[in-house]
Every structure is written in structure tokens, then in C-alpha cells.
């Protein structure tokens, strides 16, 4: 399971946006986004470059911490 810290998520709508964005990435499944922890966790069915994950988070309007 991979974990990515996310900055700038103020509400549940943020959680939905990030979840949707990460679910669009081929090879990612079981996305869980925690507003309280400010992070997303997910499983990879195949290797996914973290640059792609960060770009999808940015596309949703938020910033990946790492």
C-alpha cells in the first residue's frame, strides 16, 4: 500500500476530488483519502510513477507533500 501526503484539503469535497482523481490512474485501486490525516493511501496493481500520482492530485487542485 502506497501513501501520499496531501496539502490543502479543507473539507469532504476535497476528499471526493482527490479520490476521483486517483481512481482515474490506471493501475491504482482501493483509494482511501483521509481528511484528518491529510493523506491518500492506495494499492498498485502495477507500478505507477509517483509523478503521475502527484500530477493527478494537482489536477484536482491540491498539492502532494512529497
PDB file of N, CA and C in Angstrom:
ATOM      1  N   UNK A   1       0.844  -1.176   0.000  1.00  0.00           N
ATOM      2  CA  UNK A   1       0.000   0.000   0.000  1.00  0.00           C
ATOM      3  C   UNK A   1       0.890   1.241   0.000  1.00  0.00           C
ATOM      4  N   UNK A   2       0.598   2.152  -0.905  1.00  0.00           N
ATOM      5  CA  UNK A   2       1.348   3.402  -1.002  1.00  0.00           C
ATOM      6  C   UNK A   2       0.593   4.501  -0.268  1.00  0.00           C
ATOM      7  N   UNK A   3       1.349   5.464   0.251  1.00  0.00           N
ATOM      8  CA  UNK A   3       0.749   6.601   0.958  1.00  0.00           C
ATOM      9  C   UNK A   3       1.341   7.887   0.404  1.00  0.00           C
ATOM     10  N   UNK A   4       0.490   8.858   0.194  1.00  0.00           N
ATOM     11  CA  UNK A   4       0.930  10.170  -0.276  1.00  0.00           C
ATOM     12  C   UNK A   4       0.286  11.233   0.596  1.00  0.00           C
ATOM     13  N   UNK A   5       1.097  12.080   1.211  1.00  0.00           N
ATOM     14  CA  UNK A   5       0.600  13.209   1.997  1.00  0.00           C
ATOM     15  C   UNK A   5       0.087  14.282   1.044  1.00  0.00           C
ATOM     16  N   UNK A   6      -1.001  14.940   1.438  1.00  0.00           N
ATOM     17  CA  UNK A   6      -1.622  15.949   0.588  1.00  0.00           C
ATOM     18  C   UNK A   6      -1.879  17.210   1.408  1.00  0.00           C
ATOM     19  N   UNK A   7      -1.491  18.353   0.842  1.00  0.00           N
ATOM     20  CA  UNK A   7      -1.727  19.634   1.490  1.00  0.00           C
ATOM     21  C   UNK A   7      -2.929  20.325   0.865  1.00  0.00           C
ATOM     22  N   UNK A   8      -3.648  21.068   1.672  1.00  0.00           N
ATOM     23  CA  UNK A   8      -4.686  21.949   1.173  1.00  0.00           C
ATOM     24  C   UNK A   8      -6.074  21.339   1.059  1.00  0.00           C
ATOM     25  N   UNK A   9      -6.336  20.247   1.739  1.00  0.00           N
ATOM     26  CA  UNK A   9      -7.683  19.651   1.700  1.00  0.00           C
ATOM     27  C   UNK A   9      -8.488  20.168   2.888  1.00  0.00           C
ATOM     28  N   UNK A  10      -9.407  21.118   2.656  1.00  0.00           N
ATOM     29  CA  UNK A  10     -10.136  21.695   3.775  1.00  0.00           C
ATOM     30  C   UNK A  10     -11.451  21.003   4.151  1.00  0.00           C
ATOM     31  N   UNK A  11     -11.987  20.141   3.257  1.00  0.00           N
ATOM     32  CA  UNK A  11     -13.328  19.597   3.529  1.00  0.00           C
ATOM     33  C   UNK A  11     -13.557  18.266   2.812  1.00  0.00           C
ATOM     34  N   UNK A  12     -14.738  17.702   3.034  1.00  0.00           N
ATOM     35  CA  UNK A  12     -15.083  16.423   2.417  1.00  0.00           C
ATOM     36  C   UNK A  12     -15.109  16.493   0.897  1.00  0.00           C
ATOM     37  N   UNK A  13     -15.425  17.632   0.343  1.00  0.00           N
ATOM     38  CA  UNK A  13     -15.403  17.788  -1.113  1.00  0.00           C
ATOM     39  C   UNK A  13     -13.991  17.564  -1.645  1.00  0.00           C
ATOM     40  N   UNK A  14     -12.989  17.963  -0.877  1.00  0.00           N
ATOM     41  CA  UNK A  14     -11.599  17.737  -1.250  1.00  0.00           C
ATOM     42  C   UNK A  14     -11.294  16.245  -1.312  1.00  0.00           C
ATOM     43  N   UNK A  15     -11.803  15.520  -0.322  1.00  0.00           N
ATOM     44  CA  UNK A  15     -11.597  14.073  -0.266  1.00  0.00           C
ATOM     45  C   UNK A  15     -12.185  13.423  -1.512  1.00  0.00           C
ATOM     46  N   UNK A  16     -13.378  13.829  -1.888  1.00  0.00           N
ATOM     47  CA  UNK A  16     -14.030  13.269  -3.084  1.00  0.00           C
ATOM     48  C   UNK A  16     -13.241  13.587  -4.347  1.00  0.00           C
ATOM     49  N   UNK A  17     -12.736  14.814  -4.454  1.00  0.00           N
ATOM     50  CA  UNK A  17     -11.990  15.212  -5.648  1.00  0.00           C
ATOM     51  C   UNK A  17     -10.689  14.427  -5.787  1.00  0.00           C
ATOM     52  N   UNK A  18      -9.973  14.271  -4.683  1.00  0.00           N
ATOM     53  CA  UNK A  18      -8.706  13.531  -4.724  1.00  0.00           C
ATOM     54  C   UNK A  18      -8.964  12.052  -4.975  1.00  0.00           C
ATOM     55  N   UNK A  19      -9.991  11.502  -4.351  1.00  0.00           N
ATOM     56  CA  UNK A  19     -10.330  10.093  -4.572  1.00  0.00           C
ATOM     57  C   UNK A  19     -10.645   9.849  -6.045  1.00  0.00           C
ATOM     58  N   UNK A  20     -11.452  10.710  -6.615  1.00  0.00           N
ATOM     59  CA  UNK A  20     -11.807  10.574  -8.037  1.00  0.00           C
ATOM     60  C   UNK A  20     -10.573  10.678  -8.917  1.00  0.00           C
ATOM     61  N   UNK A  21      -9.720  11.648  -8.642  1.00  0.00           N
ATOM     62  CA  UNK A  21      -8.518  11.845  -9.449  1.00  0.00           C
ATOM     63  C   UNK A  21      -7.599  10.627  -9.397  1.00  0.00           C
ATOM     64  N   UNK A  22      -7.409  10.066  -8.215  1.00  0.00           N
ATOM     65  CA  UNK A  22      -6.517   8.911  -8.091  1.00  0.00           C
ATOM     66  C   UNK A  22      -7.139   7.659  -8.702  1.00  0.00           C
ATOM     67  N   UNK A  23      -8.442   7.522  -8.619  1.00  0.00           N
ATOM     68  CA  UNK A  23      -9.111   6.370  -9.224  1.00  0.00           C
ATOM     69  C   UNK A  23      -9.025   6.378 -10.747  1.00  0.00           C
ATOM     70  N   UNK A  24      -8.733   7.528 -11.339  1.00  0.00           N
ATOM     71  CA  UNK A  24      -8.588   7.628 -12.790  1.00  0.00           C
ATOM     72  C   UNK A  24      -7.250   7.093 -13.291  1.00  0.00           C
ATOM     73  N   UNK A  25      -6.320   6.862 -12.389  1.00  0.00           N
ATOM     74  CA  UNK A  25      -4.988   6.388 -12.785  1.00  0.00           C
ATOM     75  C   UNK A  25      -5.026   4.876 -13.007  1.00  0.00           C
ATOM     76  N   UNK A  26      -4.602   4.468 -14.184  1.00  0.00           N
ATOM     77  CA  UNK A  26      -4.531   3.039 -14.485  1.00  0.00           C
ATOM     78  C   UNK A  26      -3.510   2.379 -13.555  1.00  0.00           C
ATOM     79  N   UNK A  27      -3.921   1.290 -12.928  1.00  0.00           N
ATOM     80  CA  UNK A  27      -3.025   0.549 -12.052  1.00  0.00           C
ATOM     81  C   UNK A  27      -3.228   0.830 -10.575  1.00  0.00           C
ATOM     82  N   UNK A  28      -4.063   1.814 -10.253  1.00  0.00           N
ATOM     83  CA  UNK A  28      -4.327   2.142  -8.845  1.00  0.00           C
ATOM     84  C   UNK A  28      -5.719   1.640  -8.473  1.00  0.00           C
ATOM     85  N   UNK A  29      -5.824   1.049  -7.280  1.00  0.00           N
ATOM     86  CA  UNK A  29      -7.121   0.586  -6.772  1.00  0.00           C
ATOM     87  C   UNK A  29      -7.179   0.811  -5.272  1.00  0.00           C
ATOM     88  N   UNK A  30      -8.355   0.645  -4.707  1.00  0.00           N
ATOM     89  CA  UNK A  30      -8.584   0.762  -3.259  1.00  0.00           C
ATOM     90  C   UNK A  30      -8.078   2.091  -2.688  1.00  0.00           C
ATOM     91  N   UNK A  31      -8.463   3.180  -3.330  1.00  0.00           N
ATOM     92  CA  UNK A  31      -8.051   4.516  -2.880  1.00  0.00           C
ATOM     93  C   UNK A  31      -8.833   4.890  -1.618  1.00  0.00           C
ATOM     94  N   UNK A  32      -8.107   5.339  -0.610  1.00  0.00           N
ATOM     95  CA  UNK A  32      -8.695   5.834   0.632  1.00  0.00           C
ATOM     96  C   UNK A  32      -8.039   7.186   0.932  1.00  0.00           C
ATOM     97  N   UNK A  33      -8.850   8.221   1.075  1.00  0.00           N
ATOM     98  CA  UNK A  33      -8.327   9.555   1.362  1.00  0.00           C
ATOM     99  C   UNK A  33      -8.828   9.972   2.741  1.00  0.00           C
ATOM    100  N   UNK A  34      -7.904  10.383   3.602  1.00  0.00           N
ATOM    101  CA  UNK A  34      -8.244  10.801   4.959  1.00  0.00           C
ATOM    102  C   UNK A  34      -8.046  12.307   5.108  1.00  0.00           C
ATOM    103  N   UNK A  35      -9.134  13.003   5.374  1.00  0.00           N
ATOM    104  CA  UNK A  35      -9.069  14.441   5.622  1.00  0.00           C
ATOM    105  C   UNK A  35      -8.307  14.706   6.921  1.00  0.00           C
ATOM    106  N   UNK A  36      -8.592  13.924   7.953  1.00  0.00           N
ATOM    107  CA  UNK A  36      -7.956  14.110   9.265  1.00  0.00           C
ATOM    108  C   UNK A  36      -6.441  13.929   9.208  1.00  0.00           C
ATOM    109  N   UNK A  37      -5.982  12.946   8.450  1.00  0.00           N
ATOM    110  CA  UNK A  37      -4.535  12.680   8.345  1.00  0.00           C
ATOM    111  C   UNK A  37      -3.884  13.440   7.200  1.00  0.00           C
ATOM    112  N   UNK A  38      -4.697  13.980   6.295  1.00  0.00           N
ATOM    113  CA  UNK A  38      -4.157  14.709   5.154  1.00  0.00           C
ATOM    114  C   UNK A  38      -3.346  13.814   4.246  1.00  0.00           C
ATOM    115  N   UNK A  39      -3.900  12.631   3.947  1.00  0.00           N
ATOM    116  CA  UNK A  39      -3.151  11.701   3.103  1.00  0.00           C
ATOM    117  C   UNK A  39      -4.093  10.792   2.320  1.00  0.00           C
ATOM    118  N   UNK A  40      -3.520  10.219   1.281  1.00  0.00           N
ATOM    119  CA  UNK A  40      -4.218   9.220   0.478  1.00  0.00           C
ATOM    120  C   UNK A  40      -3.406   7.937   0.510  1.00  0.00           C
ATOM    121  N   UNK A  41      -4.096   6.822   0.629  1.00  0.00           N
ATOM    122  CA  UNK A  41      -3.447   5.518   0.529  1.00  0.00           C
ATOM    123  C   UNK A  41      -4.125   4.769  -0.611  1.00  0.00           C
ATOM    124  N   UNK A  42      -3.352   3.904  -1.258  1.00  0.00           N
ATOM    125  CA  UNK A  42      -3.888   3.143  -2.383  1.00  0.00           C
ATOM    126  C   UNK A  42      -2.989   1.944  -2.652  1.00  0.00           C
ATOM    127  N   UNK A  43      -3.568   0.968  -3.336  1.00  0.00           N
ATOM    128  CA  UNK A  43      -2.819  -0.206  -3.780  1.00  0.00           C
ATOM    129  C   UNK A  43      -2.492  -0.032  -5.251  1.00  0.00           C
ATOM    130  N   UNK A  44      -1.354  -0.593  -5.643  1.00  0.00           N
ATOM    131  CA  UNK A  44      -0.947  -0.557  -7.043  1.00  0.00           C
ATOM    132  C   UNK A  44      -1.064  -1.963  -7.628  1.00  0.00           C
ATOM    133  N   UNK A  45      -1.852  -2.091  -8.690  1.00  0.00           N
ATOM    134  CA  UNK A  45      -1.940  -3.358  -9.398  1.00  0.00           C
ATOM    135  C   UNK A  45      -0.729  -3.545 -10.298  1.00  0.00           C
ATOM    136  N   UNK A  46      -0.135  -2.432 -10.677  1.00  0.00           N
ATOM    137  CA  UNK A  46       1.086  -2.397 -11.469  1.00  0.00           C
ATOM    138  C   UNK A  46       1.835  -1.139 -11.038  1.00  0.00           C
ATOM    139  N   UNK A  47       3.136  -1.090 -11.269  1.00  0.00           N
ATOM    140  CA  UNK A  47       3.893   0.090 -10.827  1.00  0.00           C
ATOM    141  C   UNK A  47       3.359   1.383 -11.458  1.00  0.00           C
ATOM    142  N   UNK A  48       3.204   2.395 -10.629  1.00  0.00           N
ATOM    143  CA  UNK A  48       2.735   3.708 -11.076  1.00  0.00           C
ATOM    144  C   UNK A  48       3.757   4.740 -10.620  1.00  0.00           C
ATOM    145  N   UNK A  49       4.222   5.559 -11.555  1.00  0.00           N
ATOM    146  CA  UNK A  49       5.197   6.596 -11.221  1.00  0.00           C
ATOM    147  C   UNK A  49       4.550   7.626 -10.296  1.00  0.00           C
ATOM    148  N   UNK A  50       5.252   7.994  -9.247  1.00  0.00           N
ATOM    149  CA  UNK A  50       4.715   8.966  -8.294  1.00  0.00           C
ATOM    150  C   UNK A  50       4.487  10.329  -8.947  1.00  0.00           C
ATOM    151  N   UNK A  51       5.200  10.630 -10.031  1.00  0.00           N
ATOM    152  CA  UNK A  51       4.954  11.882 -10.753  1.00  0.00           C
ATOM    153  C   UNK A  51       3.531  11.915 -11.307  1.00  0.00           C
ATOM    154  N   UNK A  52       3.038  10.758 -11.731  1.00  0.00           N
ATOM    155  CA  UNK A  52       1.665  10.675 -12.239  1.00  0.00           C
ATOM    156  C   UNK A  52       0.680  10.906 -11.103  1.00  0.00           C
ATOM    157  N   UNK A  53       0.952  10.304  -9.954  1.00  0.00           N
ATOM    158  CA  UNK A  53       0.091  10.479  -8.784  1.00  0.00           C
ATOM    159  C   UNK A  53       0.062  11.954  -8.382  1.00  0.00           C
ATOM    160  N   UNK A  54       1.220  12.579  -8.303  1.00  0.00           N
ATOM    161  CA  UNK A  54       1.301  13.994  -7.925  1.00  0.00           C
ATOM    162  C   UNK A  54       0.577  14.884  -8.932  1.00  0.00           C
ATOM    163  N   UNK A  55       0.701  14.561 -10.218  1.00  0.00           N
ATOM    164  CA  UNK A  55       0.041  15.353 -11.250  1.00  0.00           C
ATOM    165  C   UNK A  55      -1.477  15.250 -11.132  1.00  0.00           C
ATOM    166  N   UNK A  56      -1.993  14.074 -10.822  1.00  0.00           N
ATOM    167  CA  UNK A  56      -3.437  13.903 -10.656  1.00  0.00           C
ATOM    168  C   UNK A  56      -3.942  14.658  -9.425  1.00  0.00           C
ATOM    169  N   UNK A  57      -3.157  14.634  -8.362  1.00  0.00           N
ATOM    170  CA  UNK A  57      -3.533  15.383  -7.157  1.00  0.00           C
ATOM    171  C   UNK A  57      -3.561  16.880  -7.478  1.00  0.00           C
ATOM    172  N   UNK A  58      -2.564  17.351  -8.221  1.00  0.00           N
ATOM    173  CA  UNK A  58      -2.517  18.761  -8.622  1.00  0.00           C
ATOM    174  C   UNK A  58      -3.691  19.107  -9.536  1.00  0.00           C
ATOM    175  N   UNK A  59      -4.047  18.197 -10.423  1.00  0.00           N
ATOM    176  CA  UNK A  59      -5.183  18.407 -11.326  1.00  0.00           C
ATOM    177  C   UNK A  59      -6.483  18.587 -10.529  1.00  0.00           C
ATOM    178  N   UNK A  60      -6.574  17.897  -9.391  1.00  0.00           N
ATOM    179  CA  UNK A  60      -7.743  18.016  -8.524  1.00  0.00           C
ATOM    180  C   UNK A  60      -7.708  19.310  -7.703  1.00  0.00           C
ATOM    181  N   UNK A  61      -6.578  20.035  -7.734  1.00  0.00           N
ATOM    182  CA  UNK A  61      -6.485  21.315  -7.047  1.00  0.00           C
ATOM    183  C   UNK A  61      -5.738  21.295  -5.721  1.00  0.00           C
ATOM    184  N   UNK A  62      -4.967  20.218  -5.485  1.00  0.00           N
ATOM    185  CA  UNK A  62      -4.267  20.081  -4.212  1.00  0.00           C
ATOM    186  C   UNK A  62      -2.795  19.776  -4.470  1.00  0.00           C
ATOM    187  N   UNK A  63      -2.005  19.744  -3.422  1.00  0.00           N
ATOM    188  CA  UNK A  63      -0.569  19.552  -3.573  1.00  0.00           C
ATOM    189  C   UNK A  63      -0.100  18.323  -2.790  1.00  0.00           C
ATOM    190  N   UNK A  64       0.625  17.455  -3.505  1.00  0.00           N
ATOM    191  CA  UNK A  64       1.235  16.304  -2.841  1.00  0.00           C
ATOM    192  C   UNK A  64       2.447  16.802  -2.058  1.00  0.00           C
ATOM    193  N   UNK A  65       2.607  16.322  -0.852  1.00  0.00           N
ATOM    194  CA  UNK A  65       3.671  16.816   0.026  1.00  0.00           C
ATOM    195  C   UNK A  65       5.052  16.309  -0.363  1.00  0.00           C
ATOM    196  N   UNK A  66       5.144  15.167  -0.967  1.00  0.00           N
ATOM    197  CA  UNK A  66       6.461  14.594  -1.301  1.00  0.00           C
ATOM    198  C   UNK A  66       6.649  14.507  -2.783  1.00  0.00           C
TER     199      UNK A  66
END
